C-alpha cells in the first residue's frame, strides 16, 4: 500500500472525523477509500452513459439533423411554460 499525505479543508477533515467517531468507519483511511470507490463508480456510470446514450444520440443527429429541435424553439417553449405557471399562481 502506498502512503500519501494530503491536505483537506477543515470541513472535510471534520466530516471524516464524524464518520470515524460514529463507528461507521474504523479509520480515516477507510473513509477516504470509500469516498474514492464512490467517485470511481460515479466516473464509470458517467462514462457508460456517454458511451451508451450520448454518443449514439450524437451520431443519430449527425446522420439525420432533421431529428433536432432548434434551440430557439426550446427556449421559447420554456419561457411560455414558465409564464403560464407564474401567471397562474398569482
N, C-alpha and C. Protein backbone atom coordinates (compact mmCIF):
# COMPACT_ATOMS: atom_id res chain seq x y z
N UNK A 1 0.85 -1.17 0.00
CA UNK A 1 0.00 0.00 0.00
C UNK A 1 0.90 1.23 0.00
N UNK A 2 0.53 2.20 -0.82
CA UNK A 2 1.29 3.44 -0.95
C UNK A 2 0.76 4.46 0.05
N UNK A 3 1.64 5.04 0.83
CA UNK A 3 1.22 6.08 1.79
C UNK A 3 1.30 7.43 1.12
N UNK A 4 0.32 8.27 1.42
CA UNK A 4 0.26 9.63 0.87
C UNK A 4 -0.10 10.59 1.98
N UNK A 5 0.34 11.79 1.82
CA UNK A 5 -0.06 12.87 2.72
C UNK A 5 -0.91 13.82 1.91
N UNK A 6 -2.08 14.14 2.43
CA UNK A 6 -2.97 15.06 1.73
C UNK A 6 -3.41 16.17 2.67
N UNK A 7 -3.80 17.28 2.09
CA UNK A 7 -4.34 18.40 2.86
C UNK A 7 -5.82 18.50 2.56
N UNK A 8 -6.61 18.70 3.60
CA UNK A 8 -8.05 18.81 3.44
C UNK A 8 -8.54 20.08 4.10
N UNK A 9 -9.60 20.67 3.56
CA UNK A 9 -10.24 21.77 4.27
C UNK A 9 -10.81 21.24 5.58
N UNK A 10 -10.96 22.10 6.56
CA UNK A 10 -11.49 21.70 7.86
C UNK A 10 -12.83 20.98 7.74
N UNK A 11 -13.67 21.43 6.84
CA UNK A 11 -14.98 20.82 6.65
C UNK A 11 -14.86 19.33 6.31
N UNK A 12 -13.93 19.00 5.41
CA UNK A 12 -13.75 17.60 5.02
C UNK A 12 -13.10 16.79 6.15
N UNK A 13 -12.13 17.38 6.81
CA UNK A 13 -11.47 16.69 7.93
C UNK A 13 -12.48 16.42 9.04
N UNK A 14 -13.34 17.39 9.32
CA UNK A 14 -14.36 17.20 10.35
C UNK A 14 -15.34 16.09 9.96
N UNK A 15 -15.69 16.04 8.69
CA UNK A 15 -16.61 15.01 8.21
C UNK A 15 -15.99 13.62 8.39
N UNK A 16 -14.72 13.50 8.03
CA UNK A 16 -14.02 12.22 8.22
C UNK A 16 -14.03 11.84 9.69
N UNK A 17 -13.72 12.79 10.56
CA UNK A 17 -13.71 12.52 12.00
C UNK A 17 -15.09 12.07 12.48
N UNK A 18 -16.14 12.71 11.98
CA UNK A 18 -17.50 12.33 12.36
C UNK A 18 -17.80 10.88 11.97
N UNK A 19 -17.38 10.51 10.76
CA UNK A 19 -17.64 9.15 10.29
C UNK A 19 -16.89 8.12 11.14
N UNK A 20 -15.67 8.44 11.51
CA UNK A 20 -14.89 7.53 12.35
C UNK A 20 -15.47 7.50 13.77
N UNK A 21 -15.76 8.66 14.34
CA UNK A 21 -16.28 8.73 15.70
C UNK A 21 -17.64 8.07 15.85
N UNK A 22 -18.43 8.07 14.78
CA UNK A 22 -19.75 7.44 14.84
C UNK A 22 -19.66 5.92 14.77
N UNK A 23 -18.49 5.43 14.40
CA UNK A 23 -18.32 3.99 14.26
C UNK A 23 -18.63 3.47 12.87
N UNK A 24 -19.00 4.37 11.96
CA UNK A 24 -19.29 3.95 10.58
C UNK A 24 -18.03 3.39 9.91
N UNK A 25 -16.90 3.93 10.26
CA UNK A 25 -15.61 3.51 9.71
C UNK A 25 -14.61 3.39 10.84
N UNK A 26 -13.63 2.50 10.66
CA UNK A 26 -12.64 2.27 11.70
C UNK A 26 -11.51 3.29 11.66
N UNK A 27 -11.31 3.93 10.51
CA UNK A 27 -10.19 4.87 10.39
C UNK A 27 -10.48 5.89 9.30
N UNK A 28 -9.69 6.96 9.34
CA UNK A 28 -9.79 7.99 8.29
C UNK A 28 -9.48 7.39 6.93
N UNK A 29 -8.54 6.46 6.89
CA UNK A 29 -8.18 5.82 5.62
C UNK A 29 -9.37 5.09 5.02
N UNK A 30 -10.15 4.41 5.86
CA UNK A 30 -11.34 3.71 5.36
C UNK A 30 -12.35 4.70 4.77
N UNK A 31 -12.52 5.84 5.41
CA UNK A 31 -13.45 6.85 4.91
C UNK A 31 -12.99 7.34 3.53
N UNK A 32 -11.71 7.64 3.41
CA UNK A 32 -11.17 8.13 2.14
C UNK A 32 -11.30 7.06 1.07
N UNK A 33 -10.99 5.80 1.41
CA UNK A 33 -11.12 4.72 0.42
C UNK A 33 -12.56 4.58 -0.06
N UNK A 34 -13.51 4.67 0.87
CA UNK A 34 -14.93 4.58 0.49
C UNK A 34 -15.31 5.74 -0.43
N UNK A 35 -14.82 6.92 -0.12
CA UNK A 35 -15.10 8.08 -0.96
C UNK A 35 -14.52 7.91 -2.35
N UNK A 36 -13.31 7.37 -2.43
CA UNK A 36 -12.68 7.15 -3.74
C UNK A 36 -13.42 6.07 -4.53
N UNK A 37 -13.88 5.02 -3.84
CA UNK A 37 -14.67 4.00 -4.54
C UNK A 37 -15.95 4.60 -5.11
N UNK A 38 -16.61 5.46 -4.33
CA UNK A 38 -17.83 6.11 -4.80
C UNK A 38 -17.53 7.01 -6.00
N UNK A 39 -16.42 7.72 -5.96
CA UNK A 39 -16.03 8.57 -7.08
C UNK A 39 -15.74 7.74 -8.33
N UNK A 40 -15.05 6.61 -8.15
CA UNK A 40 -14.78 5.73 -9.29
C UNK A 40 -16.07 5.19 -9.89
N UNK A 41 -17.02 4.81 -9.03
CA UNK A 41 -18.30 4.30 -9.52
C UNK A 41 -19.05 5.38 -10.28
N UNK A 42 -19.04 6.60 -9.76
CA UNK A 42 -19.70 7.70 -10.47
C UNK A 42 -19.05 7.94 -11.82
N UNK A 43 -17.71 7.92 -11.86
CA UNK A 43 -17.00 8.11 -13.13
C UNK A 43 -17.33 7.01 -14.12
N UNK A 44 -17.43 5.76 -13.63
CA UNK A 44 -17.80 4.65 -14.53
C UNK A 44 -19.21 4.84 -15.07
N UNK A 45 -20.13 5.27 -14.20
CA UNK A 45 -21.52 5.48 -14.63
C UNK A 45 -21.60 6.59 -15.67
N UNK A 46 -20.85 7.66 -15.48
CA UNK A 46 -20.84 8.76 -16.46
C UNK A 46 -20.26 8.27 -17.78
N UNK A 47 -19.16 7.54 -17.72
CA UNK A 47 -18.54 7.02 -18.94
C UNK A 47 -19.50 6.09 -19.68
N UNK A 48 -20.19 5.24 -18.95
CA UNK A 48 -21.17 4.34 -19.57
C UNK A 48 -22.30 5.13 -20.22
N UNK A 49 -22.80 6.15 -19.53
CA UNK A 49 -23.87 6.99 -20.08
C UNK A 49 -23.40 7.68 -21.36
N UNK A 50 -22.19 8.23 -21.33
CA UNK A 50 -21.66 8.89 -22.52
C UNK A 50 -21.55 7.91 -23.68
N UNK A 51 -21.01 6.73 -23.39
CA UNK A 51 -20.78 5.74 -24.44
C UNK A 51 -22.09 5.16 -24.98
N UNK A 52 -23.04 4.87 -24.08
CA UNK A 52 -24.24 4.14 -24.49
C UNK A 52 -25.43 5.01 -24.85
N UNK A 53 -25.44 6.27 -24.41
CA UNK A 53 -26.58 7.12 -24.71
C UNK A 53 -26.22 8.39 -25.46
N UNK A 54 -25.21 9.10 -24.98
CA UNK A 54 -24.87 10.38 -25.59
C UNK A 54 -24.25 10.18 -26.98
N UNK A 55 -23.26 9.32 -27.08
CA UNK A 55 -22.58 9.12 -28.37
C UNK A 55 -23.55 8.62 -29.44
N UNK A 56 -24.40 7.61 -29.15
CA UNK A 56 -25.36 7.19 -30.18
C UNK A 56 -26.34 8.30 -30.58
N UNK A 57 -26.78 9.10 -29.61
CA UNK A 57 -27.69 10.21 -29.94
C UNK A 57 -26.99 11.24 -30.82
N UNK A 58 -25.73 11.50 -30.51
CA UNK A 58 -24.94 12.42 -31.32
C UNK A 58 -24.79 11.88 -32.75
N UNK A 59 -24.46 10.63 -32.85
CA UNK A 59 -24.31 10.01 -34.18
C UNK A 59 -25.62 10.04 -34.96
N UNK A 60 -26.73 9.80 -34.26
CA UNK A 60 -28.03 9.84 -34.94
C UNK A 60 -28.35 11.24 -35.43
N UNK A 61 -28.00 12.25 -34.64
CA UNK A 61 -28.23 13.63 -35.07
C UNK A 61 -27.38 13.99 -36.27
N UNK A 62 -26.13 13.51 -36.29
CA UNK A 62 -25.28 13.77 -37.45
C UNK A 62 -25.84 13.09 -38.68
N UNK A 63 -26.37 11.89 -38.52
CA UNK A 63 -26.92 11.15 -39.65
C UNK A 63 -28.21 11.76 -40.17
N UNK A 64 -29.02 12.35 -39.25
CA UNK A 64 -30.30 12.92 -39.64
C UNK A 64 -30.57 14.18 -38.82
N UNK A 65 -29.99 15.33 -39.25
CA UNK A 65 -30.15 16.57 -38.49
C UNK A 65 -31.60 17.02 -38.31
N UNK A 66 -32.51 16.53 -39.14
CA UNK A 66 -33.92 16.95 -39.02
C UNK A 66 -34.55 16.44 -37.71
N UNK A 67 -33.88 15.51 -37.05
CA UNK A 67 -34.38 15.00 -35.76
C UNK A 67 -34.29 16.06 -34.67
N UNK A 68 -33.43 17.04 -34.85
CA UNK A 68 -33.18 18.04 -33.82
C UNK A 68 -34.27 19.08 -33.71
N UNK A 69 -34.28 19.76 -32.58
CA UNK A 69 -35.20 20.87 -32.33
C UNK A 69 -34.34 22.11 -32.19
N UNK A 70 -34.63 23.17 -32.95
CA UNK A 70 -33.83 24.38 -32.83
C UNK A 70 -33.84 24.92 -31.39
N UNK A 71 -32.71 25.39 -30.94
CA UNK A 71 -32.58 25.89 -29.57
C UNK A 71 -33.59 27.00 -29.30
N UNK A 72 -33.81 27.87 -30.25
CA UNK A 72 -34.75 28.97 -30.03
C UNK A 72 -36.15 28.44 -29.74
N UNK A 73 -36.54 27.37 -30.41
CA UNK A 73 -37.86 26.77 -30.15
C UNK A 73 -37.94 26.23 -28.73
N UNK A 74 -36.88 25.61 -28.28
CA UNK A 74 -36.84 25.07 -26.91
C UNK A 74 -36.95 26.22 -25.91
N UNK A 75 -36.15 27.26 -26.11
CA UNK A 75 -36.18 28.40 -25.19
C UNK A 75 -37.56 29.07 -25.19
N UNK A 76 -38.16 29.23 -26.37
CA UNK A 76 -39.49 29.83 -26.45
C UNK A 76 -40.50 28.99 -25.66
N UNK A 77 -40.42 27.67 -25.79
CA UNK A 77 -41.33 26.78 -25.09
C UNK A 77 -41.13 26.88 -23.57
N UNK A 78 -39.89 26.92 -23.14
CA UNK A 78 -39.61 27.03 -21.71
C UNK A 78 -40.13 28.35 -21.17
N UNK A 79 -39.90 29.43 -21.90
CA UNK A 79 -40.39 30.73 -21.45
C UNK A 79 -41.92 30.75 -21.37
N UNK A 80 -42.58 30.15 -22.35
CA UNK A 80 -44.04 30.12 -22.36
C UNK A 80 -44.57 29.32 -21.17
N UNK A 81 -43.98 28.17 -20.92
CA UNK A 81 -44.41 27.34 -19.78
C UNK A 81 -44.18 28.08 -18.46
N UNK A 82 -43.05 28.74 -18.36
CA UNK A 82 -42.75 29.50 -17.14
C UNK A 82 -43.76 30.62 -16.94
N UNK A 83 -44.07 31.33 -18.01
CA UNK A 83 -45.04 32.42 -17.93
C UNK A 83 -46.40 31.90 -17.52
N UNK A 84 -46.81 30.76 -18.04
CA UNK A 84 -48.11 30.18 -17.68
C UNK A 84 -48.14 29.81 -16.20
N UNK A 85 -47.06 29.25 -15.71
CA UNK A 85 -47.02 28.83 -14.30
C UNK A 85 -46.98 30.04 -13.37
N UNK A 86 -46.19 31.05 -13.73
CA UNK A 86 -46.08 32.21 -12.83
C UNK A 86 -47.33 33.07 -12.89
N UNK A 87 -47.98 33.16 -14.04
CA UNK A 87 -49.22 33.94 -14.12
C UNK A 87 -50.37 33.23 -13.43
N UNK A 88 -50.37 31.92 -13.46
CA UNK A 88 -51.43 31.15 -12.85
C UNK A 88 -51.36 31.10 -11.34
N UNK A 89 -50.18 31.41 -10.78
CA UNK A 89 -50.01 31.29 -9.32
C UNK A 89 -50.25 32.61 -8.60
N UNK A 90 -50.54 33.66 -9.31
CA UNK A 90 -50.74 34.97 -8.66
C UNK A 90 -52.13 35.20 -8.21
